Amino acid sequence: MITVPLLYGIGTKPTGNPEVILPLNLELVKKSTGEGEGYAIQTDGMVNFIEGNGVDRGGINWNGRYFRVSGTDLIEIYKDGTKVVRGTIPGDTLCRFDYSFDTLSISNGQNLYFYSNENKQQIASINDFGQVLDHKFMDGYFFTIDGANIVQSDLTDKTKANPLKYGSSELDPDNIVALQRIRGELYVINEYTTEVFNNVGGTNFVLARVNGAQSMVGCVGTHANAVLNDTLVQVGSSRGSAISIWALSRGDVKRISTKDIDYELNKLTETERRAIQLEVKLYFNGNKLLVHLPKFSYMYDSDNGVWSQLQSNENGYRARNLVLWESNWHCGDTQSNYLGILDENVKSHFGDKVDYQLVTMLLDNAGDKMILHQVNLLISTSNSSEESTIGMSVSKDNGTTYSAIRYKNIHPGKRDQQPIWVKMGMFKTNMTIKFTWNSDAVLVVKKLLVALETLSYGK
């Protein structure tokens, strides 16, 4: 039998062009196990932790304390699930978080708010700062943006700013949309460009532009950027270009999205593009970038350079605004007021089962006809309390259409299993195989084997 690599699948766009089919709610792991050179595991499930006070707007781990903006309340959450309201953050939009040595800071797209043990909640002077789209703390100062300027707080009173102490990003007359801090430098992210500033101790404005570190790639929105492995990652483009996902580091620019991902990104409306959210999950099992779109999310494994697709249901991927606290990844739920925890031992999303899909690469027989006699899928399962099924179908036309799904049982309590399908029929030159299932069982796809017979006639 032939081993089929567990890689990206192949399908066909409506235009007839080939497209890559990403694993759905699965993560491809490139690691030799003795049975193969890689395997596929399900992504983490989501379990309820507590009910919030409204729509989740983000959170942060501040000095070992867990804070979230839930509805209009700034709440602190304790290990036993107790929550205490610490302040009020008006609005219903996503928030941006940072902190100084003794103060938590939150911006809601309009104003900048502070919370500390001594002064409780404070608000930055609206007259001094103007609108606050985003903010970052660096070198003793809070820096904010209003779309056109970079505003610097007073060194001794963070709620104040001198109108004369501000800077601008002038590489292109585009709006400033976000800030990020990387290795002691402030990345000023515009719609079509990105500039880097560092602290030179200027008399008025302390920052100065780092010549040669600018990039001619910008970002579509305030939340469409994140820092991954000390590198700025953002969804955007240069002026007049299609959007992609880029990795930027002091002038070096690299596109990390595939053409098929770019195709999906550029189908979005302007409003949908501005709502894209990026976040990073750094943990022992790898460094992951999450790109949240309206109907689904992409996950990028930066260690292996592999993409996957995440979706809870037709309304998108539910886990959002991840915070690592007490050795667990905490999250909000985009479809309820609940706050949850990602759990690798659970595969349902807040109690609901989700779909999984794995499509193979194009299996080509060098132009010869072939018969697919048998398909063996080697899997490991655990914690399933009920019998479930896994379906298999095949395509003879590059993934445009598939045969009827044939199901095999996944038995509870049996760890190593090998569903087998036989008599798949004849194929002219190539085929793709698709596996689908919907189960809350923990399942690992370890290996895929196929038995083919080449026909020496009728090429």
Protein backbone atom coordinates (compact mmCIF):
# COMPACT_ATOMS: atom_id res chain seq x y z
CA MET A 1 0.00 0.00 0.00
CA ILE A 2 1.07 3.58 -0.63
CA THR A 3 1.40 6.17 2.13
CA VAL A 4 -0.35 9.44 1.26
CA PRO A 5 1.22 12.52 2.89
CA LEU A 6 -1.06 14.50 5.21
CA LEU A 7 -0.65 17.87 3.51
CA TYR A 8 -2.88 20.50 1.98
CA GLY A 9 -5.79 19.27 -0.10
CA ILE A 10 -6.51 20.26 -3.69
CA GLY A 11 -9.81 21.55 -5.02
CA THR A 12 -11.09 23.65 -7.92
CA LYS A 13 -12.37 27.21 -7.87
CA PRO A 14 -15.50 28.21 -9.81
CA THR A 15 -13.12 29.67 -12.42
CA GLY A 16 -11.59 26.23 -12.96
CA ASN A 17 -8.28 27.15 -11.33
CA PRO A 18 -6.86 24.78 -8.71
CA GLU A 19 -7.08 25.88 -5.08
CA VAL A 20 -5.60 24.64 -1.81
CA ILE A 21 -8.11 23.17 0.63
CA LEU A 22 -6.89 23.75 4.19
CA PRO A 23 -7.60 21.28 7.01
CA LEU A 24 -10.76 22.32 8.87
CA ASN A 25 -10.40 22.51 12.68
CA LEU A 26 -7.28 20.38 12.35
CA GLU A 27 -3.62 21.13 12.81
CA LEU A 28 -0.95 19.44 10.71
CA VAL A 29 2.12 18.50 12.74
CA LYS A 30 5.37 17.89 10.86
CA LYS A 31 7.03 15.34 13.12
CA SER A 32 8.34 11.85 12.46
CA THR A 33 6.55 9.26 14.59
CA GLY A 34 7.83 6.00 13.09
CA GLU A 35 4.47 5.56 11.36
CA GLY A 36 4.87 8.64 9.17
CA GLU A 37 6.45 12.05 8.76
CA GLY A 38 3.51 13.91 10.24
CA TYR A 39 0.01 13.67 11.64
CA ALA A 40 -3.16 15.71 12.07
CA ILE A 41 -4.65 16.66 15.44
CA GLN A 42 -7.85 18.47 16.30
CA THR A 43 -7.56 22.03 17.52
CA ASP A 44 -8.54 22.87 21.09
CA GLY A 45 -12.16 22.84 22.17
CA MET A 46 -13.83 25.52 24.28
CA VAL A 47 -15.52 25.14 27.66
CA ASN A 48 -17.51 27.67 29.67
CA PHE A 49 -15.76 29.34 32.61
CA ILE A 50 -18.13 32.08 33.76
CA GLU A 51 -20.83 34.27 32.28
CA GLY A 52 -19.66 37.79 31.53
CA ASN A 53 -21.51 41.06 31.95
CA GLY A 54 -22.06 41.56 28.23
CA VAL A 55 -20.28 41.28 24.89
CA ASP A 56 -16.61 40.41 25.33
CA ARG A 57 -14.31 43.24 24.24
CA GLY A 58 -10.91 41.81 25.16
CA GLY A 59 -8.75 41.03 28.15
CA ILE A 60 -5.27 41.02 29.62
CA ASN A 61 -3.10 39.29 32.22
CA TRP A 62 -1.72 42.18 34.27
CA ASN A 63 0.87 41.15 36.88
CA GLY A 64 -0.83 37.78 37.32
CA ARG A 65 -4.30 39.31 37.56
CA TYR A 66 -6.97 38.58 34.95
CA PHE A 67 -8.97 41.52 33.59
CA ARG A 68 -11.57 41.71 30.82
CA VAL A 69 -13.86 44.35 29.40
CA SER A 70 -17.27 42.68 29.42
CA GLY A 71 -20.06 44.84 28.09
CA THR A 72 -19.22 48.26 29.52
CA ASP A 73 -17.66 46.81 32.69
CA LEU A 74 -13.97 46.39 33.43
CA ILE A 75 -14.01 43.20 35.49
CA GLU A 76 -11.34 41.32 37.40
CA ILE A 77 -11.80 37.54 37.47
CA TYR A 78 -10.51 35.13 40.12
CA LYS A 79 -9.67 31.43 39.92
CA ASP A 80 -12.92 30.38 41.59
CA GLY A 81 -14.93 32.26 38.95
CA THR A 82 -15.69 35.26 41.12
CA LYS A 83 -15.75 38.55 39.19
CA VAL A 84 -15.47 42.08 40.54
CA VAL A 85 -16.30 45.23 38.58
CA ARG A 86 -13.28 47.57 38.67
CA GLY A 87 -14.44 50.33 36.33
CA THR A 88 -16.46 51.36 33.30
CA ILE A 89 -15.32 51.38 29.66
CA PRO A 90 -18.10 52.88 27.51
CA GLY A 91 -18.99 51.57 24.05
CA ASP A 92 -19.25 48.16 22.43
CA THR A 93 -16.07 47.99 20.30
CA LEU A 94 -12.95 45.91 20.85
CA CYS A 95 -10.44 47.41 23.26
CA ARG A 96 -6.65 47.61 23.20
CA PHE A 97 -4.69 46.89 26.39
CA ASP A 98 -1.25 47.71 27.75
CA TYR A 99 0.34 48.60 31.10
CA SER A 100 3.11 50.60 32.70
CA PHE A 101 4.99 49.68 35.87
CA ASP A 102 1.99 50.36 38.10
CA THR A 103 -0.98 51.10 35.82
CA LEU A 104 -3.26 49.13 33.50
CA SER A 105 -4.28 51.06 30.35
CA ILE A 106 -7.25 50.48 28.05
CA SER A 107 -8.34 52.31 24.90
CA ASN A 108 -11.77 51.82 23.35
CA GLY A 109 -11.24 53.63 20.05
CA GLN A 110 -12.29 56.95 21.58
CA ASN A 111 -10.60 57.52 24.95
CA LEU A 112 -7.74 56.19 27.08
CA TYR A 113 -8.53 54.76 30.52
CA PHE A 114 -6.23 53.85 33.40
CA TYR A 115 -6.66 51.55 36.36
CA SER A 116 -4.31 51.19 39.33
CA ASN A 117 -4.60 49.91 42.87
CA GLU A 118 -4.02 53.40 44.26
CA ASN A 119 -6.12 55.60 41.97
CA LYS A 120 -8.67 53.03 40.77
CA GLN A 121 -10.02 54.22 37.40
CA GLN A 122 -8.87 57.40 35.66
CA ILE A 123 -9.44 58.81 32.18
CA ALA A 124 -6.86 60.62 30.08
CA SER A 125 -7.59 64.26 29.29
CA ILE A 126 -9.80 64.37 26.19
CA ASN A 127 -8.67 67.94 25.53
CA ASP A 128 -4.99 66.88 25.53
CA PHE A 129 -5.10 63.53 23.75
CA GLY A 130 -8.12 63.89 21.47
CA GLN A 131 -9.45 60.64 20.04
CA VAL A 132 -7.44 57.56 21.06
CA LEU A 133 -7.56 54.85 18.39
CA ASP A 134 -4.71 52.87 19.94
CA HIS A 135 -1.94 53.30 22.50
CA LYS A 136 1.30 51.80 23.76
CA PHE A 137 3.51 52.34 26.82
CA MET A 138 7.24 52.70 26.20
CA ASP A 139 10.14 54.25 28.13
CA GLY A 140 7.94 55.87 30.77
CA TYR A 141 5.47 57.46 28.31
CA PHE A 142 2.08 56.49 26.96
CA PHE A 143 1.88 57.10 23.21
CA THR A 144 -1.51 57.38 21.50
CA ILE A 145 -2.75 57.94 17.95
CA ASP A 146 -5.74 59.88 16.68
CA GLY A 147 -5.40 58.90 13.01
CA ALA A 148 -3.05 61.74 12.08
CA ASN A 149 -0.67 62.30 15.02
CA ILE A 150 1.35 60.41 17.61
CA VAL A 151 0.61 62.00 21.00
CA GLN A 152 3.03 61.68 23.91
CA SER A 153 1.83 61.71 27.53
CA ASP A 154 3.44 63.78 30.26
CA LEU A 155 6.21 61.90 32.04
CA THR A 156 4.91 62.67 35.53
CA ASP A 157 1.16 62.72 34.86
CA LYS A 158 0.06 60.06 32.37
CA THR A 159 -3.44 61.56 32.08
CA LYS A 160 -2.02 64.77 30.56
CA ALA A 161 -0.29 65.59 27.29
CA ASN A 162 1.45 68.73 26.08
CA PRO A 163 -0.07 69.84 22.74
CA LEU A 164 3.45 70.66 21.54
CA LYS A 165 4.78 67.18 22.25
CA TYR A 166 3.51 65.15 19.34
CA GLY A 167 4.88 63.55 16.22
CA SER A 168 3.64 62.31 12.87
CA SER A 169 4.22 59.55 10.38
CA GLU A 170 5.01 61.24 7.07
CA LEU A 171 6.22 58.55 4.70
CA ASP A 172 2.81 58.64 3.02
CA PRO A 173 -0.27 60.84 3.63
CA ASP A 174 -2.23 57.86 4.95
CA ASN A 175 -3.98 57.53 8.29
CA ILE A 176 -2.30 55.99 11.33
CA VAL A 177 -4.36 52.97 12.42
CA ALA A 178 -2.33 51.14 15.13
CA LEU A 179 0.78 50.95 17.30
CA GLN A 180 2.99 48.03 18.31
CA ARG A 181 6.09 47.88 20.54
CA ILE A 182 8.89 45.51 19.50
CA ARG A 183 12.36 45.34 21.09
CA GLY A 184 12.14 48.83 22.55
CA GLU A 185 10.96 50.45 19.31
CA LEU A 186 7.55 51.81 18.44
CA TYR A 187 6.04 50.60 15.17
CA VAL A 188 3.64 53.20 13.79
CA ILE A 189 1.25 51.36 11.49
CA ASN A 190 -0.50 53.30 8.76
CA GLU A 191 -3.02 52.27 6.12
CA TYR A 192 -0.35 51.73 3.43
CA THR A 193 3.00 52.17 5.19
CA THR A 194 4.71 51.25 8.46
CA GLU A 195 7.40 53.32 10.19
CA VAL A 196 9.66 52.58 13.16
CA PHE A 197 10.53 55.10 15.90
CA ASN A 198 12.89 54.92 18.87
CA ASN A 199 13.50 57.13 21.89
CA VAL A 200 16.27 59.64 21.25
CA GLY A 201 15.33 61.93 24.16
CA GLY A 202 14.16 64.81 22.01
CA THR A 203 13.36 68.11 23.74
CA ASN A 204 9.69 68.07 22.83
CA PHE A 205 8.76 64.82 21.16
CA VAL A 206 11.15 62.14 22.45
CA LEU A 207 10.83 59.78 19.47
CA ALA A 208 12.65 59.92 16.15
CA ARG A 209 12.11 57.94 12.97
CA VAL A 210 14.58 55.11 12.30
CA ASN A 211 15.80 55.76 8.76
CA GLY A 212 15.74 52.69 6.54
CA ALA A 213 13.41 50.74 8.82
CA GLN A 214 10.18 51.80 7.10
CA SER A 215 8.04 49.40 5.05
CA MET A 216 5.77 50.18 2.13
CA VAL A 217 3.07 47.91 3.52
CA GLY A 218 0.28 49.07 5.82
CA CYS A 219 -2.63 47.58 7.71
CA VAL A 220 -6.40 47.48 7.12
CA GLY A 221 -7.42 48.20 10.72
CA THR A 222 -6.47 48.76 14.34
CA HIS A 223 -6.88 45.10 15.30
CA ALA A 224 -5.50 43.49 12.12
CA ASN A 225 -1.93 43.27 13.48
CA ALA A 226 -0.01 41.35 16.13
CA VAL A 227 3.54 40.58 17.25
CA LEU A 228 4.74 37.04 16.54
CA ASN A 229 8.30 35.99 17.44
CA ASP A 230 9.42 39.65 17.70
CA THR A 231 8.06 40.27 14.21
CA LEU A 232 5.14 42.49 13.27
CA VAL A 233 2.45 40.58 11.37
CA GLN A 234 -0.42 42.44 9.74
CA VAL A 235 -3.11 42.23 7.09
CA GLY A 236 -2.70 45.03 4.59
CA SER A 237 -1.09 46.26 1.42
CA SER A 238 0.83 49.05 -0.20
CA ARG A 239 -1.17 51.79 -1.85
CA GLY A 240 -3.17 50.50 -4.81
CA SER A 241 -2.38 46.81 -4.16
CA ALA A 242 -4.40 43.78 -3.06
CA ILE A 243 -4.19 42.87 0.61
CA SER A 244 -2.14 39.98 2.00
CA ILE A 245 -0.73 38.86 5.35
CA TRP A 246 2.77 40.22 5.89
CA ALA A 247 5.63 39.75 8.34
CA LEU A 248 7.64 42.96 8.87
CA SER A 249 10.89 43.57 10.73
CA ARG A 250 12.76 46.89 10.44
CA GLY A 251 12.24 47.27 6.71
CA ASP A 252 12.28 43.58 5.81
CA VAL A 253 8.91 42.48 4.38
CA LYS A 254 7.75 38.92 3.71
CA ARG A 255 4.35 37.71 2.61
CA ILE A 256 3.27 34.67 4.66
CA SER A 257 -0.24 34.17 3.26
CA THR A 258 -0.91 31.86 0.32
CA LYS A 259 -2.56 32.95 -2.92
CA ASP A 260 -5.76 31.18 -1.88
CA ILE A 261 -5.85 32.99 1.46
CA ASP A 262 -5.26 36.29 -0.36
CA TYR A 263 -8.16 35.42 -2.67
CA GLU A 264 -10.48 35.10 0.35
CA LEU A 265 -9.14 38.27 1.98
CA ASN A 266 -9.77 40.34 -1.12
CA LYS A 267 -13.37 39.13 -1.37
CA LEU A 268 -14.18 40.99 1.88
CA THR A 269 -15.94 44.33 1.89
CA GLU A 270 -14.15 47.41 3.24
CA THR A 271 -16.15 47.16 6.47
CA GLU A 272 -15.24 43.48 6.86
CA ARG A 273 -11.57 44.21 6.20
CA ARG A 274 -11.46 46.86 8.91
CA ALA A 275 -12.96 44.32 11.35
CA ILE A 276 -10.22 41.70 10.80
CA GLN A 277 -8.54 40.75 14.07
CA LEU A 278 -5.14 39.11 14.57
CA GLU A 279 -3.94 37.53 17.78
CA VAL A 280 -1.11 35.25 18.82
CA LYS A 281 -1.10 32.06 20.87
CA LEU A 282 2.40 31.24 22.13
CA TYR A 283 2.66 27.98 24.04
CA PHE A 284 4.61 24.75 24.38
CA ASN A 285 2.95 23.21 21.31
CA GLY A 286 4.09 25.98 18.97
CA ASN A 287 3.63 29.61 18.05
CA LYS A 288 0.27 30.21 16.39
CA LEU A 289 -1.13 33.25 14.59
CA LEU A 290 -4.93 33.55 14.44
CA VAL A 291 -6.53 35.64 11.69
CA HIS A 292 -10.22 36.18 12.43
CA LEU A 293 -12.55 36.83 9.49
CA PRO A 294 -16.36 37.15 9.62
CA LYS A 295 -17.23 33.52 8.73
CA PHE A 296 -14.09 31.64 9.80
CA SER A 297 -10.53 32.09 11.03
CA TYR A 298 -7.12 31.08 9.73
CA MET A 299 -4.44 29.60 11.99
CA TYR A 300 -0.77 29.82 11.03
CA ASP A 301 1.83 27.60 12.70
CA SER A 302 4.98 29.71 12.41
CA ASP A 303 7.21 26.82 13.48
CA ASN A 304 6.15 24.68 10.51
CA GLY A 305 4.83 27.28 8.09
CA VAL A 306 1.46 25.49 7.92
CA TRP A 307 -2.01 27.03 7.64
CA SER A 308 -5.34 25.63 8.86
CA GLN A 309 -8.91 26.88 8.89
CA LEU A 310 -11.03 27.21 12.06
CA GLN A 311 -14.82 27.40 12.19
CA SER A 312 -17.31 26.69 14.97
CA ASN A 313 -20.39 27.09 12.76
CA GLU A 314 -21.62 29.21 9.84
CA ASN A 315 -21.20 32.35 11.97
CA GLY A 316 -17.46 31.91 12.44
CA TYR A 317 -14.92 30.76 15.01
CA ARG A 318 -16.18 31.51 18.50
CA ALA A 319 -12.99 31.83 20.60
CA ARG A 320 -11.68 35.38 20.60
CA ASN A 321 -9.41 37.69 22.63
CA LEU A 322 -7.11 35.02 24.07
CA VAL A 323 -5.42 35.60 27.43
CA LEU A 324 -2.92 33.18 29.00
CA TRP A 325 -3.64 33.09 32.74
CA GLU A 326 -3.03 30.39 35.34
CA SER A 327 -1.62 28.05 32.64
CA ASN A 328 -4.86 28.18 30.62
CA TRP A 329 -5.85 30.11 27.51
CA HIS A 330 -8.95 32.10 28.41
CA CYS A 331 -11.21 33.51 25.71
CA GLY A 332 -14.42 35.32 24.97
CA ASP A 333 -17.28 33.86 22.95
CA THR A 334 -18.36 35.81 19.88
CA GLN A 335 -21.83 34.23 19.99
CA SER A 336 -22.74 34.60 23.67
CA ASN A 337 -21.77 36.51 26.81
CA TYR A 338 -19.84 33.55 28.20
CA LEU A 339 -16.12 33.61 28.94
CA GLY A 340 -14.38 30.32 28.30
CA ILE A 341 -11.17 28.32 28.38
CA LEU A 342 -9.48 26.47 25.53
CA ASP A 343 -9.14 22.79 26.43
CA GLU A 344 -7.10 20.27 24.42
CA ASN A 345 -9.07 17.40 26.01
CA VAL A 346 -12.42 18.73 24.75
CA LYS A 347 -13.32 19.10 21.08
CA SER A 348 -16.75 20.73 21.26
CA HIS A 349 -17.05 24.52 21.09
CA PHE A 350 -18.98 25.71 24.14
CA GLY A 351 -20.91 22.44 24.16
CA ASP A 352 -21.60 22.23 20.42
CA LYS A 353 -19.99 19.65 18.14
CA VAL A 354 -18.04 21.01 15.17
CA ASP A 355 -17.17 19.72 11.71
CA TYR A 356 -13.73 18.40 10.75
CA GLN A 357 -12.41 17.97 7.23
CA LEU A 358 -9.17 16.65 5.78
CA VAL A 359 -8.59 16.58 2.02
CA THR A 360 -5.61 14.90 0.38
CA MET A 361 -3.29 16.24 -2.23
CA LEU A 362 -3.91 15.23 -5.86
CA LEU A 363 -3.02 11.55 -6.29
CA ASP A 364 -1.64 11.23 -9.80
CA ASN A 365 -0.77 8.02 -11.64
CA ALA A 366 1.42 9.48 -14.42
CA GLY A 367 -1.46 9.54 -16.87
CA ASP A 368 -2.44 5.87 -16.41
CA LYS A 369 -5.88 4.71 -15.41
CA MET A 370 -6.06 3.12 -11.97
CA ILE A 371 -8.35 1.28 -9.60
CA LEU A 372 -8.57 2.37 -5.98
CA HIS A 373 -9.03 -0.92 -4.17
CA GLN A 374 -8.72 0.16 -0.55
CA VAL A 375 -8.30 3.15 1.75
CA ASN A 376 -6.96 2.68 5.30
CA LEU A 377 -7.03 5.54 7.80
CA LEU A 378 -4.93 4.99 10.93
CA ILE A 379 -6.33 6.95 13.86
CA SER A 380 -6.04 7.14 17.65
CA THR A 381 -9.02 8.13 19.79
CA SER A 382 -9.74 8.78 23.43
CA ASN A 383 -12.47 10.00 25.79
CA SER A 384 -15.36 9.21 23.40
CA SER A 385 -18.45 8.15 25.36
CA GLU A 386 -20.57 7.42 22.31
CA GLU A 387 -20.08 5.79 18.94
CA SER A 388 -19.54 8.20 16.07
CA THR A 389 -18.70 7.98 12.39
CA ILE A 390 -16.10 9.26 9.93
CA GLY A 391 -16.99 9.74 6.28
CA MET A 392 -14.88 9.31 3.16
CA SER A 393 -15.58 10.42 -0.41
CA VAL A 394 -13.47 10.63 -3.56
CA SER A 395 -13.23 13.05 -6.47
CA LYS A 396 -12.31 12.26 -10.08
CA ASP A 397 -12.31 15.90 -11.25
CA ASN A 398 -9.73 17.70 -9.09
CA GLY A 399 -12.08 18.25 -6.19
CA THR A 400 -14.92 19.85 -8.17
CA THR A 401 -17.40 17.11 -7.22
CA TYR A 402 -17.22 14.19 -4.83
CA SER A 403 -18.83 10.78 -4.64
CA ALA A 404 -21.45 9.90 -2.05
CA ILE A 405 -20.00 9.81 1.46
CA ARG A 406 -19.32 6.34 2.86
CA TYR A 407 -19.24 6.17 6.66
CA LYS A 408 -17.29 3.98 9.05
CA ASN A 409 -17.80 3.73 12.80
CA ILE A 410 -15.45 5.14 15.42
CA HIS A 411 -15.83 2.92 18.48
CA PRO A 412 -15.74 4.33 22.02
CA GLY A 413 -13.08 3.06 24.39
CA LYS A 414 -10.83 1.71 21.62
CA ARG A 415 -7.66 3.76 21.28
CA ASP A 416 -6.06 2.60 18.02
CA GLN A 417 -8.48 2.11 15.14
CA GLN A 418 -8.25 1.66 11.38
CA PRO A 419 -11.37 2.42 9.37
CA ILE A 420 -11.13 0.67 5.98
CA TRP A 421 -12.99 1.48 2.78
CA VAL A 422 -12.86 -0.91 -0.21
CA LYS A 423 -13.89 -0.93 -3.90
CA MET A 424 -13.65 2.77 -4.65
CA GLY A 425 -13.79 2.34 -8.42
CA MET A 426 -11.69 3.32 -11.43
CA PHE A 427 -10.05 6.70 -12.07
CA LYS A 428 -8.70 8.01 -15.36
CA THR A 429 -5.55 9.80 -14.22
CA ASN A 430 -5.86 11.25 -10.71
CA MET A 431 -8.06 11.57 -7.63
CA THR A 432 -8.46 13.34 -4.31
CA ILE A 433 -9.85 11.84 -1.11
CA LYS A 434 -11.86 13.76 1.49
CA PHE A 435 -12.54 12.75 5.11
CA THR A 436 -15.26 14.44 7.17
CA TRP A 437 -16.59 13.88 10.67
CA ASN A 438 -18.54 15.57 13.44
CA SER A 439 -17.67 14.26 16.87
CA ASP A 440 -16.59 15.43 20.32
CA ALA A 441 -14.06 12.56 20.55
CA VAL A 442 -10.36 13.39 20.67
CA LEU A 443 -9.02 11.97 17.41
CA VAL A 444 -5.53 11.92 15.89
CA VAL A 445 -5.06 11.04 12.21
CA LYS A 446 -1.73 9.23 12.15
CA LYS A 447 -1.44 7.81 8.64
CA LEU A 448 -3.31 7.34 5.37
CA LEU A 449 -2.70 4.29 3.18
CA VAL A 450 -4.18 3.49 -0.23
CA ALA A 451 -4.04 0.38 -2.43
CA LEU A 452 -3.91 1.27 -6.14
CA GLU A 453 -3.74 -0.90 -9.25
CA THR A 454 -2.49 0.59 -12.51
CA LEU A 455 -4.35 -0.41 -15.67
CA SER A 456 -1.97 -0.91 -18.57
CA TYR A 457 -4.61 -0.24 -21.23
CA GLY A 458 -6.84 2.63 -22.24
CA LYS A 459 -4.60 5.60 -21.48
